[in-house]
Amino acid sequence: MKIHKLIHCCLVIDLKPTDGHSRRILLDPGFYSLEKHSKVHKIDVVLITHEHADHFHIESLKELIKIHPEVTVITNDAVGAILAKEGIEHRVMEHGNAVDIKGIHIEACGKEHAVLHKSIPVFSNVGFLLTETAQVYPSKGRPAPVFIFPGDAFTDPLKEIDILALPVAGPWMKISEAIDYALQLKPEKAFPVHDALRVPSQHLLPEKILGLHGIEFIKLEEGGEIVYS
């Protein structure tokens, strides 16, 4: 599994299922990543957690589909409604749903965006768990690593997690909540997302506290990569 961070919440994940052919997933291509995600090649699946513009940009998605006509778009109900009006083929996943696509196992986790304020209606949000279908890592003695991208929420998938894309900044959260979420899930590795507007010291506290609990916090910056094998 190779994770490439474009910027903010936009990730490119390369998986290699048992057939030996690499599959590429594009996660949350929003307005922060317009220039970058428009240049990504060979996309098999696009995952969109929710409708906010830093996670979803309809016009660039249309262009991606033109370039990659065989791509599978998976999202939540709210984004699905927008795509349906635009005549864009897609698949809606809800909490607890699972699907295998081209050797990639995808599970949906969560229903709602974290609360922004009590006066604002709660938005729909779905997180995604990814792994390579039916593949065993001999060095681990168990199935391939499980990656979770929760979107804008701190949903517990109630499953063992190896790699966590951890939101660290935003109007809906505190850094202490992000740290507690990582401690709750206990992944082997975590890296920051939702950090385009973070302050320079935002990564210091997670690195310190999570490290004390055996969780490696990788300060993944724009353009950085993680390879997990």
C-alpha atoms as a PDB file:
ATOM      1  CA  MET A   1       0.000   0.000   0.000  1.00  0.00           C
ATOM      2  CA  LYS A   2       1.376   3.378  -1.027  1.00  0.00           C
ATOM      3  CA  ILE A   3      -0.247   6.596   0.158  1.00  0.00           C
ATOM      4  CA  HIS A   4       0.563   9.852  -1.617  1.00  0.00           C
ATOM      5  CA  LYS A   5      -0.715  13.073  -0.089  1.00  0.00           C
ATOM      6  CA  LEU A   6      -1.540  15.748  -2.632  1.00  0.00           C
ATOM      7  CA  ILE A   7      -2.727  18.371  -0.133  1.00  0.00           C
ATOM      8  CA  HIS A   8      -5.242  18.752   2.716  1.00  0.00           C
ATOM      9  CA  CYS A   9      -7.555  15.714   2.434  1.00  0.00           C
ATOM     10  CA  CYS A  10      -6.800  14.704  -1.129  1.00  0.00           C
ATOM     11  CA  LEU A  11      -4.884  11.418  -1.230  1.00  0.00           C
ATOM     12  CA  VAL A  12      -3.823   8.962  -3.917  1.00  0.00           C
ATOM     13  CA  ILE A  13      -3.637   5.373  -2.685  1.00  0.00           C
ATOM     14  CA  ASP A  14      -2.036   2.602  -4.705  1.00  0.00           C
ATOM     15  CA  LEU A  15      -2.928  -0.984  -3.812  1.00  0.00           C
ATOM     16  CA  LYS A  16      -1.751  -4.207  -5.412  1.00  0.00           C
ATOM     17  CA  PRO A  17      -4.303  -7.026  -5.029  1.00  0.00           C
ATOM     18  CA  THR A  18      -3.555 -10.695  -5.629  1.00  0.00           C
ATOM     19  CA  ASP A  19      -3.798 -10.387  -9.413  1.00  0.00           C
ATOM     20  CA  GLY A  20      -0.602  -8.324  -9.318  1.00  0.00           C
ATOM     21  CA  HIS A  21      -2.100  -5.314 -11.074  1.00  0.00           C
ATOM     22  CA  SER A  22      -1.921  -2.026  -9.199  1.00  0.00           C
ATOM     23  CA  ARG A  23      -5.159  -0.180  -8.459  1.00  0.00           C
ATOM     24  CA  ARG A  24      -5.341   3.540  -7.770  1.00  0.00           C
ATOM     25  CA  ILE A  25      -7.832   5.329  -5.521  1.00  0.00           C
ATOM     26  CA  LEU A  26      -8.318   9.092  -5.412  1.00  0.00           C
ATOM     27  CA  LEU A  27      -9.770  10.367  -2.137  1.00  0.00           C
ATOM     28  CA  ASP A  28     -11.656  13.645  -1.639  1.00  0.00           C
ATOM     29  CA  PRO A  29     -10.554  15.748  -4.632  1.00  0.00           C
ATOM     30  CA  GLY A  30     -11.664  19.215  -3.482  1.00  0.00           C
ATOM     31  CA  PHE A  31     -10.791  22.810  -4.317  1.00  0.00           C
ATOM     32  CA  TYR A  32      -7.456  22.824  -2.454  1.00  0.00           C
ATOM     33  CA  SER A  33      -6.118  20.110  -4.753  1.00  0.00           C
ATOM     34  CA  LEU A  34      -7.612  21.196  -8.092  1.00  0.00           C
ATOM     35  CA  GLU A  35      -4.332  21.632  -9.927  1.00  0.00           C
ATOM     36  CA  LYS A  36      -2.825  18.492  -8.431  1.00  0.00           C
ATOM     37  CA  HIS A  37      -5.641  15.942  -8.657  1.00  0.00           C
ATOM     38  CA  SER A  38      -6.417  16.922 -12.242  1.00  0.00           C
ATOM     39  CA  LYS A  39      -3.001  15.523 -13.226  1.00  0.00           C
ATOM     40  CA  VAL A  40      -3.357  12.118 -11.526  1.00  0.00           C
ATOM     41  CA  HIS A  41      -3.183   9.232 -14.010  1.00  0.00           C
ATOM     42  CA  LYS A  42      -4.813   5.786 -14.122  1.00  0.00           C
ATOM     43  CA  ILE A  43      -7.515   6.293 -11.500  1.00  0.00           C
ATOM     44  CA  ASP A  44      -9.690   3.237 -10.794  1.00  0.00           C
ATOM     45  CA  VAL A  45     -11.871   4.543  -7.954  1.00  0.00           C
ATOM     46  CA  VAL A  46     -12.797   7.987  -6.630  1.00  0.00           C
ATOM     47  CA  LEU A  47     -14.043   8.150  -3.024  1.00  0.00           C
ATOM     48  CA  ILE A  48     -15.810  11.263  -1.723  1.00  0.00           C
ATOM     49  CA  THR A  49     -16.709  11.512   1.958  1.00  0.00           C
ATOM     50  CA  HIS A  50     -19.046  14.528   1.828  1.00  0.00           C
ATOM     51  CA  GLU A  51     -20.196  17.585  -0.049  1.00  0.00           C
ATOM     52  CA  HIS A  52     -17.994  20.362   1.391  1.00  0.00           C
ATOM     53  CA  ALA A  53     -15.894  22.101  -1.215  1.00  0.00           C
ATOM     54  CA  ASP A  54     -12.533  21.160   0.316  1.00  0.00           C
ATOM     55  CA  HIS A  55     -13.501  17.517  -0.285  1.00  0.00           C
ATOM     56  CA  PHE A  56     -15.646  17.643  -3.428  1.00  0.00           C
ATOM     57  CA  HIS A  57     -15.449  19.722  -6.615  1.00  0.00           C
ATOM     58  CA  ILE A  58     -18.045  18.795  -9.222  1.00  0.00           C
ATOM     59  CA  GLU A  59     -16.467  20.377 -12.305  1.00  0.00           C
ATOM     60  CA  SER A  60     -13.061  18.768 -11.808  1.00  0.00           C
ATOM     61  CA  LEU A  61     -14.767  15.439 -11.114  1.00  0.00           C
ATOM     62  CA  LYS A  62     -16.498  15.687 -14.490  1.00  0.00           C
ATOM     63  CA  GLU A  63     -13.127  16.235 -16.142  1.00  0.00           C
ATOM     64  CA  LEU A  64     -11.603  13.277 -14.310  1.00  0.00           C
ATOM     65  CA  ILE A  65     -14.429  11.047 -15.529  1.00  0.00           C
ATOM     66  CA  LYS A  66     -13.842  12.184 -19.117  1.00  0.00           C
ATOM     67  CA  ILE A  67     -10.189  11.191 -18.811  1.00  0.00           C
ATOM     68  CA  HIS A  68     -10.956   7.979 -16.889  1.00  0.00           C
ATOM     69  CA  PRO A  69     -14.323   6.782 -18.274  1.00  0.00           C
ATOM     70  CA  GLU A  70     -14.079   3.424 -16.467  1.00  0.00           C
ATOM     71  CA  VAL A  71     -13.608   5.001 -13.025  1.00  0.00           C
ATOM     72  CA  THR A  72     -15.958   4.012 -10.197  1.00  0.00           C
ATOM     73  CA  VAL A  73     -17.231   6.916  -8.081  1.00  0.00           C
ATOM     74  CA  ILE A  74     -18.323   6.061  -4.538  1.00  0.00           C
ATOM     75  CA  THR A  75     -19.762   8.566  -2.083  1.00  0.00           C
ATOM     76  CA  ASN A  76     -22.472   9.309   0.475  1.00  0.00           C
ATOM     77  CA  ASP A  77     -26.153  10.125  -0.013  1.00  0.00           C
ATOM     78  CA  ALA A  78     -25.772  13.921  -0.151  1.00  0.00           C
ATOM     79  CA  VAL A  79     -23.060  13.929  -2.804  1.00  0.00           C
ATOM     80  CA  GLY A  80     -24.913  11.140  -4.581  1.00  0.00           C
ATOM     81  CA  ALA A  81     -27.934  13.394  -4.954  1.00  0.00           C
ATOM     82  CA  ILE A  82     -25.772  16.070  -6.591  1.00  0.00           C
ATOM     83  CA  LEU A  83     -24.183  13.546  -8.940  1.00  0.00           C
ATOM     84  CA  ALA A  84     -27.578  12.127  -9.877  1.00  0.00           C
ATOM     85  CA  LYS A  85     -28.771  15.585 -10.958  1.00  0.00           C
ATOM     86  CA  GLU A  86     -25.650  15.882 -13.119  1.00  0.00           C
ATOM     87  CA  GLY A  87     -26.216  12.468 -14.673  1.00  0.00           C
ATOM     88  CA  ILE A  88     -22.955  11.113 -13.247  1.00  0.00           C
ATOM     89  CA  GLU A  89     -22.877   7.385 -12.606  1.00  0.00           C
ATOM     90  CA  HIS A  90     -21.931   6.615  -9.030  1.00  0.00           C
ATOM     91  CA  ARG A  91     -22.452   4.289  -6.087  1.00  0.00           C
ATOM     92  CA  VAL A  92     -23.795   5.430  -2.708  1.00  0.00           C
ATOM     93  CA  MET A  93     -22.445   3.664   0.372  1.00  0.00           C
ATOM     94  CA  GLU A  94     -23.855   3.908   3.881  1.00  0.00           C
ATOM     95  CA  HIS A  95     -22.431   2.953   7.244  1.00  0.00           C
ATOM     96  CA  GLY A  96     -21.807  -0.793   7.348  1.00  0.00           C
ATOM     97  CA  ASN A  97     -21.859  -1.306   3.576  1.00  0.00           C
ATOM     98  CA  ALA A  98     -18.946  -3.155   1.970  1.00  0.00           C
ATOM     99  CA  VAL A  99     -17.938  -3.824  -1.618  1.00  0.00           C
ATOM    100  CA  ASP A 100     -15.062  -5.452  -3.505  1.00  0.00           C
ATOM    101  CA  ILE A 101     -13.994  -3.587  -6.629  1.00  0.00           C
ATOM    102  CA  LYS A 102     -11.067  -4.741  -8.783  1.00  0.00           C
ATOM    103  CA  GLY A 103      -9.476  -6.508  -5.839  1.00  0.00           C
ATOM    104  CA  ILE A 104      -9.994  -3.590  -3.444  1.00  0.00           C
ATOM    105  CA  HIS A 105     -12.145  -4.093  -0.356  1.00  0.00           C
ATOM    106  CA  ILE A 106     -14.007  -0.914   0.630  1.00  0.00           C
ATOM    107  CA  GLU A 107     -16.158  -0.484   3.722  1.00  0.00           C
ATOM    108  CA  ALA A 108     -18.253   2.543   4.666  1.00  0.00           C
ATOM    109  CA  CYS A 109     -18.007   3.876   8.197  1.00  0.00           C
ATOM    110  CA  GLY A 110     -20.005   6.644   9.831  1.00  0.00           C
ATOM    111  CA  LYS A 111     -23.089   8.667   8.970  1.00  0.00           C
ATOM    112  CA  GLU A 112     -22.622  12.281  10.037  1.00  0.00           C
ATOM    113  CA  HIS A 113     -20.132  15.121   9.798  1.00  0.00           C
ATOM    114  CA  ALA A 114     -18.870  16.370  13.146  1.00  0.00           C
ATOM    115  CA  VAL A 115     -20.997  19.175  14.570  1.00  0.00           C
ATOM    116  CA  LEU A 116     -19.900  22.634  13.426  1.00  0.00           C
ATOM    117  CA  HIS A 117     -22.324  24.468  15.710  1.00  0.00           C
ATOM    118  CA  LYS A 118     -25.642  23.593  17.334  1.00  0.00           C
ATOM    119  CA  SER A 119     -27.353  26.201  15.128  1.00  0.00           C
ATOM    120  CA  ILE A 120     -26.181  24.492  11.914  1.00  0.00           C
ATOM    121  CA  PRO A 121     -27.867  21.305  10.634  1.00  0.00           C
ATOM    122  CA  VAL A 122     -25.593  18.263  10.664  1.00  0.00           C
ATOM    123  CA  PHE A 123     -24.191  17.249   7.280  1.00  0.00           C
ATOM    124  CA  SER A 124     -23.898  13.709   5.991  1.00  0.00           C
ATOM    125  CA  ASN A 125     -20.386  12.191   6.020  1.00  0.00           C
ATOM    126  CA  VAL A 126     -19.097   8.712   5.341  1.00  0.00           C
ATOM    127  CA  GLY A 127     -15.618   7.419   6.076  1.00  0.00           C
ATOM    128  CA  PHE A 128     -13.902   4.627   4.165  1.00  0.00           C
ATOM    129  CA  LEU A 129     -11.854   1.616   5.195  1.00  0.00           C
ATOM    130  CA  LEU A 130      -9.599   0.177   2.496  1.00  0.00           C
ATOM    131  CA  THR A 131      -7.594  -2.983   2.140  1.00  0.00           C
ATOM    132  CA  GLU A 132      -6.460  -5.403  -0.532  1.00  0.00           C
ATOM    133  CA  THR A 133      -8.919  -8.248  -0.980  1.00  0.00           C
ATOM    134  CA  ALA A 134      -7.879 -11.641   0.422  1.00  0.00           C
ATOM    135  CA  GLN A 135      -4.189 -10.840   0.536  1.00  0.00           C
ATOM    136  CA  VAL A 136      -1.960 -11.979   3.403  1.00  0.00           C
ATOM    137  CA  TYR A 137       1.276 -10.288   4.386  1.00  0.00           C
ATOM    138  CA  PRO A 138       3.599 -13.140   5.471  1.00  0.00           C
ATOM    139  CA  SER A 139       5.589 -10.841   7.748  1.00  0.00           C
ATOM    140  CA  LYS A 140       2.399  -9.890   9.587  1.00  0.00           C
ATOM    141  CA  GLY A 141       0.786 -13.313   9.540  1.00  0.00           C
ATOM    142  CA  ARG A 142      -2.612 -11.751   8.921  1.00  0.00           C
ATOM    143  CA  PRO A 143      -4.568 -10.029   6.140  1.00  0.00           C
ATOM    144  CA  ALA A 144      -3.252  -6.954   4.358  1.00  0.00           C
ATOM    145  CA  PRO A 145      -3.205  -3.671   6.293  1.00  0.00           C
ATOM    146  CA  VAL A 146      -6.411  -1.763   6.875  1.00  0.00           C
ATOM    147  CA  PHE A 147      -6.458   1.980   6.185  1.00  0.00           C
ATOM    148  CA  ILE A 148      -9.161   4.345   7.410  1.00  0.00           C
ATOM    149  CA  PHE A 149     -10.057   7.787   6.095  1.00  0.00           C
ATOM    150  CA  PRO A 150     -12.876   9.091   8.339  1.00  0.00           C
ATOM    151  CA  GLY A 151     -13.703  12.293   6.464  1.00  0.00           C
ATOM    152  CA  ASP A 152     -14.768  15.089   8.809  1.00  0.00           C
ATOM    153  CA  ALA A 153     -15.703  12.926  11.761  1.00  0.00           C
ATOM    154  CA  PHE A 154     -14.200  10.775  14.493  1.00  0.00           C
ATOM    155  CA  THR A 155     -16.118   7.555  13.894  1.00  0.00           C
ATOM    156  CA  ASP A 156     -14.908   4.370  15.559  1.00  0.00           C
ATOM    157  CA  PRO A 157     -15.055   1.540  12.987  1.00  0.00           C
ATOM    158  CA  LEU A 158     -14.854  -1.041  15.793  1.00  0.00           C
ATOM    159  CA  LYS A 159     -12.154  -2.860  13.833  1.00  0.00           C
ATOM    160  CA  GLU A 160      -8.408  -3.213  13.993  1.00  0.00           C
ATOM    161  CA  ILE A 161      -6.799  -0.375  12.046  1.00  0.00           C
ATOM    162  CA  ASP A 162      -3.230  -0.245  10.784  1.00  0.00           C
ATOM    163  CA  ILE A 163      -3.061   3.187   9.171  1.00  0.00           C
ATOM    164  CA  LEU A 164      -5.136   6.227  10.128  1.00  0.00           C
ATOM    165  CA  ALA A 165      -5.577   9.421   8.108  1.00  0.00           C
ATOM    166  CA  LEU A 166      -6.058  11.704  11.104  1.00  0.00           C
ATOM    167  CA  PRO A 167      -7.849  15.062  10.770  1.00  0.00           C
ATOM    168  CA  VAL A 168      -5.847  17.596  12.779  1.00  0.00           C
ATOM    169  CA  ALA A 169      -7.361  21.021  12.060  1.00  0.00           C
ATOM    170  CA  GLY A 170     -10.719  22.540  11.246  1.00  0.00           C
ATOM    171  CA  PRO A 171     -13.654  24.550  12.587  1.00  0.00           C
ATOM    172  CA  TRP A 172     -15.311  21.374  13.854  1.00  0.00           C
ATOM    173  CA  MET A 173     -12.532  20.003  16.063  1.00  0.00           C
ATOM    174  CA  LYS A 174      -9.778  20.482  18.634  1.00  0.00           C
ATOM    175  CA  ILE A 175      -6.365  18.846  18.415  1.00  0.00           C
ATOM    176  CA  SER A 176      -7.059  17.078  21.712  1.00  0.00           C
ATOM    177  CA  GLU A 177     -10.025  15.348  20.058  1.00  0.00           C
ATOM    178  CA  ALA A 178      -7.831  14.198  17.188  1.00  0.00           C
ATOM    179  CA  ILE A 179      -5.289  12.753  19.610  1.00  0.00           C
ATOM    180  CA  ASP A 180      -7.987  10.965  21.613  1.00  0.00           C
ATOM    181  CA  TYR A 181      -9.426   9.516  18.403  1.00  0.00           C
ATOM    182  CA  ALA A 182      -6.063   8.067  17.421  1.00  0.00           C
ATOM    183  CA  LEU A 183      -5.610   6.657  20.939  1.00  0.00           C
ATOM    184  CA  GLN A 184      -9.050   5.072  20.674  1.00  0.00           C
ATOM    185  CA  LEU A 185      -8.329   3.374  17.329  1.00  0.00           C
ATOM    186  CA  LYS A 186      -4.730   2.415  18.222  1.00  0.00           C
ATOM    187  CA  PRO A 187      -3.335   2.208  14.679  1.00  0.00           C
ATOM    188  CA  GLU A 188       0.268   1.296  14.040  1.00  0.00           C
ATOM    189  CA  LYS A 189       0.731   4.517  12.062  1.00  0.00           C
ATOM    190  CA  ALA A 190      -1.152   7.798  11.708  1.00  0.00           C
ATOM    191  CA  PHE A 191      -0.593  10.815   9.522  1.00  0.00           C
ATOM    192  CA  PRO A 192      -2.264  14.235   9.356  1.00  0.00           C
ATOM    193  CA  VAL A 193      -4.983  15.287   6.950  1.00  0.00           C
ATOM    194  CA  HIS A 194      -7.413  18.209   6.903  1.00  0.00           C
ATOM    195  CA  ASP A 195      -4.415  20.393   7.628  1.00  0.00           C
ATOM    196  CA  ALA A 196      -4.277  22.994   4.846  1.00  0.00           C
ATOM    197  CA  LEU A 197      -5.043  25.721   7.395  1.00  0.00           C
ATOM    198  CA  ARG A 198      -3.080  24.328  10.331  1.00  0.00           C
ATOM    199  CA  VAL A 199      -0.719  26.426  12.428  1.00  0.00           C
ATOM    200  CA  PRO A 200       2.997  25.499  12.170  1.00  0.00           C
ATOM    201  CA  SER A 201       3.071  23.739  15.540  1.00  0.00           C
ATOM    202  CA  GLN A 202      -0.050  21.631  14.877  1.00  0.00           C
ATOM    203  CA  HIS A 203       1.865  18.339  14.527  1.00  0.00           C
ATOM    204  CA  LEU A 204       4.022  18.621  17.652  1.00  0.00           C
ATOM    205  CA  LEU A 205       1.469  17.476  20.216  1.00  0.00           C
ATOM    206  CA  PRO A 206       0.161  14.432  18.287  1.00  0.00           C
ATOM    207  CA  GLU A 207       3.712  13.298  17.576  1.00  0.00           C
ATOM    208  CA  LYS A 208       4.649  13.545  21.247  1.00  0.00           C
ATOM    209  CA  ILE A 209       1.569  11.978  22.827  1.00  0.00           C
ATOM    210  CA  LEU A 210       0.868   9.266  20.254  1.00  0.00           C
ATOM    211  CA  GLY A 211       4.509   8.225  20.292  1.00  0.00           C
ATOM    212  CA  LEU A 212       4.256   7.584  24.030  1.00  0.00           C
ATOM    213  CA  HIS A 213       1.463   5.095  23.247  1.00  0.00           C
ATOM    214  CA  GLY A 214       3.296   3.217  20.502  1.00  0.00           C
ATOM    215  CA  ILE A 215       1.597   4.993  17.572  1.00  0.00           C
ATOM    216  CA  GLU A 216       3.966   6.336  14.949  1.00  0.00           C
ATOM    217  CA  PHE A 217       2.790   9.790  13.874  1.00  0.00           C
ATOM    218  CA  ILE A 218       4.230  10.541  10.444  1.00  0.00           C
ATOM    219  CA  LYS A 219       4.290  14.264   9.695  1.00  0.00           C
ATOM    220  CA  LEU A 220       3.267  13.761   6.108  1.00  0.00           C
ATOM    221  CA  GLU A 221       3.435  17.035   4.210  1.00  0.00           C
ATOM    222  CA  GLU A 222       2.088  18.047   0.807  1.00  0.00           C
ATOM    223  CA  GLY A 223       3.555  15.759  -1.852  1.00  0.00           C
ATOM    224  CA  GLY A 224       4.805  13.212   0.674  1.00  0.00           C
ATOM    225  CA  GLU A 225       4.400   9.418   0.525  1.00  0.00           C
ATOM    226  CA  ILE A 226       4.054   6.519   2.912  1.00  0.00           C
ATOM    227  CA  VAL A 227       4.709   2.946   1.815  1.00  0.00           C
ATOM    228  CA  TYR A 228       3.275   0.262   4.107  1.00  0.00           C
ATOM    229  CA  SER A 229       4.277  -3.332   3.485  1.00  0.00           C
END
